[in-house]
């Protein structure tokens, strides 16, 4: 299974890791995926997306 957020489509970020001698090697920063059940369906979404959904739900219900 690929590491892609099922709601936002967020993917891994690629860049270089630099050694002390400035040698560049490719590295990837994976998305922090969590399995969550929403409306009875299992979704693999990022921790950032979960935080945003909780904020949106609180705003909809008028909570602080």
N, C-alpha and C. Protein backbone atom coordinates (compact mmCIF):
# COMPACT_ATOMS: atom_id res chain seq x y z
N UNK A 1 0.83 -1.17 0.00
CA UNK A 1 0.00 0.00 0.00
C UNK A 1 0.89 1.25 0.00
N UNK A 2 0.59 2.19 -0.85
CA UNK A 2 1.42 3.39 -0.93
C UNK A 2 1.11 4.33 0.24
N UNK A 3 2.09 5.12 0.60
CA UNK A 3 1.94 6.03 1.73
C UNK A 3 1.39 7.37 1.24
N UNK A 4 0.08 7.37 0.95
CA UNK A 4 -0.61 8.56 0.46
C UNK A 4 -1.83 8.80 1.34
N UNK A 5 -2.04 10.04 1.74
CA UNK A 5 -3.23 10.42 2.51
C UNK A 5 -4.45 10.25 1.62
N UNK A 6 -5.44 9.49 2.08
CA UNK A 6 -6.60 9.17 1.24
C UNK A 6 -7.55 10.36 1.07
N UNK A 7 -7.51 11.35 1.95
CA UNK A 7 -8.38 12.51 1.81
C UNK A 7 -7.74 13.65 1.05
N UNK A 8 -6.51 13.98 1.41
CA UNK A 8 -5.86 15.15 0.81
C UNK A 8 -4.91 14.82 -0.33
N UNK A 9 -4.50 13.55 -0.44
CA UNK A 9 -3.56 13.16 -1.49
C UNK A 9 -2.12 13.52 -1.17
N UNK A 10 -1.85 13.86 0.09
CA UNK A 10 -0.50 14.22 0.50
C UNK A 10 0.42 13.01 0.37
N UNK A 11 1.64 13.25 -0.15
CA UNK A 11 2.60 12.18 -0.41
C UNK A 11 3.92 12.46 0.28
N UNK A 12 4.86 11.53 0.12
CA UNK A 12 6.19 11.70 0.69
C UNK A 12 6.92 12.86 0.02
N UNK A 13 7.79 13.48 0.80
CA UNK A 13 8.59 14.59 0.31
C UNK A 13 10.03 14.08 0.11
N UNK A 14 10.65 14.42 -1.00
CA UNK A 14 12.00 13.94 -1.30
C UNK A 14 12.99 15.08 -1.19
N UNK A 15 14.19 14.73 -0.75
CA UNK A 15 15.25 15.73 -0.65
C UNK A 15 16.58 15.05 -0.51
N UNK A 16 17.58 15.80 -0.10
CA UNK A 16 18.93 15.26 0.06
C UNK A 16 19.32 15.24 1.52
N UNK A 17 20.02 14.19 1.90
CA UNK A 17 20.66 14.12 3.20
C UNK A 17 22.11 14.50 2.97
N UNK A 18 22.62 15.41 3.78
CA UNK A 18 23.99 15.90 3.58
C UNK A 18 24.91 15.41 4.68
N UNK A 19 26.04 14.83 4.28
CA UNK A 19 27.03 14.37 5.25
C UNK A 19 27.93 15.54 5.64
N UNK A 20 28.85 15.29 6.56
CA UNK A 20 29.79 16.33 6.97
C UNK A 20 30.70 16.74 5.82
N UNK A 21 30.96 15.82 4.90
CA UNK A 21 31.79 16.15 3.74
C UNK A 21 30.94 16.66 2.57
N UNK A 22 29.69 16.98 2.84
CA UNK A 22 28.76 17.59 1.88
C UNK A 22 28.35 16.65 0.75
N UNK A 23 28.44 15.33 0.97
CA UNK A 23 27.96 14.36 -0.02
C UNK A 23 26.44 14.27 0.10
N UNK A 24 25.76 14.35 -1.03
CA UNK A 24 24.30 14.32 -1.04
C UNK A 24 23.81 12.91 -1.37
N UNK A 25 22.93 12.40 -0.52
CA UNK A 25 22.25 11.12 -0.79
C UNK A 25 20.75 11.38 -0.69
N UNK A 26 20.00 10.74 -1.58
CA UNK A 26 18.55 10.97 -1.62
C UNK A 26 17.89 10.38 -0.39
N UNK A 27 16.91 11.09 0.14
CA UNK A 27 16.14 10.60 1.27
C UNK A 27 14.68 10.99 1.07
N UNK A 28 13.79 10.37 1.83
CA UNK A 28 12.38 10.73 1.73
C UNK A 28 11.81 10.94 3.11
N UNK A 29 10.93 11.91 3.23
CA UNK A 29 10.21 12.17 4.47
C UNK A 29 8.79 11.67 4.25
N UNK A 30 8.45 10.56 4.91
CA UNK A 30 7.14 9.97 4.74
C UNK A 30 6.07 10.74 5.50
N UNK A 31 4.85 10.58 5.06
CA UNK A 31 3.70 11.19 5.72
C UNK A 31 3.37 10.35 6.94
N UNK A 32 3.00 11.01 8.05
CA UNK A 32 2.63 10.33 9.28
C UNK A 32 1.18 9.83 9.15
N UNK A 33 1.02 8.64 8.56
CA UNK A 33 -0.31 8.10 8.30
C UNK A 33 -0.85 7.33 9.49
N UNK A 34 -2.13 7.53 9.76
CA UNK A 34 -2.84 6.84 10.82
C UNK A 34 -4.09 6.23 10.21
N UNK A 35 -4.49 5.06 10.70
CA UNK A 35 -5.73 4.43 10.24
C UNK A 35 -6.86 4.88 11.15
N UNK A 36 -7.89 5.48 10.55
CA UNK A 36 -9.01 6.04 11.29
C UNK A 36 -10.30 5.56 10.65
N UNK A 37 -11.31 5.35 11.48
CA UNK A 37 -12.63 4.98 10.96
C UNK A 37 -13.50 6.22 10.94
N UNK A 38 -14.00 6.55 9.78
CA UNK A 38 -14.92 7.68 9.61
C UNK A 38 -16.15 7.16 8.89
N UNK A 39 -17.30 7.28 9.52
CA UNK A 39 -18.57 6.79 8.98
C UNK A 39 -18.50 5.31 8.61
N UNK A 40 -17.82 4.52 9.43
CA UNK A 40 -17.74 3.09 9.21
C UNK A 40 -16.72 2.64 8.17
N UNK A 41 -15.98 3.57 7.59
CA UNK A 41 -14.96 3.22 6.60
C UNK A 41 -13.58 3.49 7.17
N UNK A 42 -12.64 2.59 6.87
CA UNK A 42 -11.27 2.79 7.32
C UNK A 42 -10.51 3.63 6.31
N UNK A 43 -9.93 4.71 6.81
CA UNK A 43 -9.16 5.61 5.96
C UNK A 43 -7.76 5.74 6.53
N UNK A 44 -6.77 5.83 5.64
CA UNK A 44 -5.40 6.12 6.06
C UNK A 44 -5.15 7.59 5.77
N UNK A 45 -5.20 8.40 6.84
CA UNK A 45 -5.03 9.84 6.69
C UNK A 45 -3.90 10.30 7.59
N UNK A 46 -3.34 11.45 7.26
CA UNK A 46 -2.19 11.96 8.00
C UNK A 46 -2.65 12.56 9.33
N UNK A 47 -1.71 12.66 10.26
CA UNK A 47 -1.99 13.24 11.57
C UNK A 47 -2.42 14.69 11.43
N UNK A 48 -1.85 15.40 10.49
CA UNK A 48 -2.23 16.80 10.24
C UNK A 48 -3.68 16.89 9.78
N UNK A 49 -4.12 15.96 8.93
CA UNK A 49 -5.49 15.95 8.46
C UNK A 49 -6.45 15.65 9.60
N UNK A 50 -6.08 14.74 10.50
CA UNK A 50 -6.92 14.43 11.66
C UNK A 50 -7.09 15.67 12.53
N UNK A 51 -6.00 16.40 12.74
CA UNK A 51 -6.05 17.62 13.55
C UNK A 51 -6.96 18.66 12.90
N UNK A 52 -6.87 18.80 11.59
CA UNK A 52 -7.71 19.76 10.87
C UNK A 52 -9.18 19.36 10.95
N UNK A 53 -9.47 18.07 10.80
CA UNK A 53 -10.85 17.60 10.88
C UNK A 53 -11.45 17.85 12.26
N UNK A 54 -10.64 17.64 13.30
CA UNK A 54 -11.12 17.89 14.67
C UNK A 54 -11.42 19.38 14.87
N UNK A 55 -10.56 20.25 14.31
CA UNK A 55 -10.80 21.69 14.42
C UNK A 55 -12.07 22.09 13.68
N UNK A 56 -12.28 21.51 12.49
CA UNK A 56 -13.48 21.84 11.71
C UNK A 56 -14.74 21.36 12.41
N UNK A 57 -14.68 20.19 13.06
CA UNK A 57 -15.83 19.66 13.78
C UNK A 57 -16.14 20.53 15.00
N UNK A 58 -15.10 21.01 15.69
CA UNK A 58 -15.31 21.87 16.84
C UNK A 58 -15.93 23.20 16.43
N UNK A 59 -15.48 23.75 15.29
CA UNK A 59 -16.05 25.00 14.80
C UNK A 59 -17.51 24.83 14.39
N UNK A 60 -17.84 23.68 13.82
CA UNK A 60 -19.22 23.42 13.40
C UNK A 60 -20.16 23.30 14.58
N UNK A 61 -19.65 22.81 15.70
CA UNK A 61 -20.48 22.63 16.88
C UNK A 61 -20.39 23.83 17.84
N UNK A 62 -19.60 24.81 17.49
CA UNK A 62 -19.49 26.02 18.29
C UNK A 62 -18.68 25.85 19.56
N UNK A 63 -17.77 24.89 19.58
CA UNK A 63 -16.93 24.67 20.75
C UNK A 63 -15.66 25.49 20.65
N UNK A 64 -14.95 25.60 21.77
CA UNK A 64 -13.66 26.28 21.75
C UNK A 64 -12.55 25.35 22.05
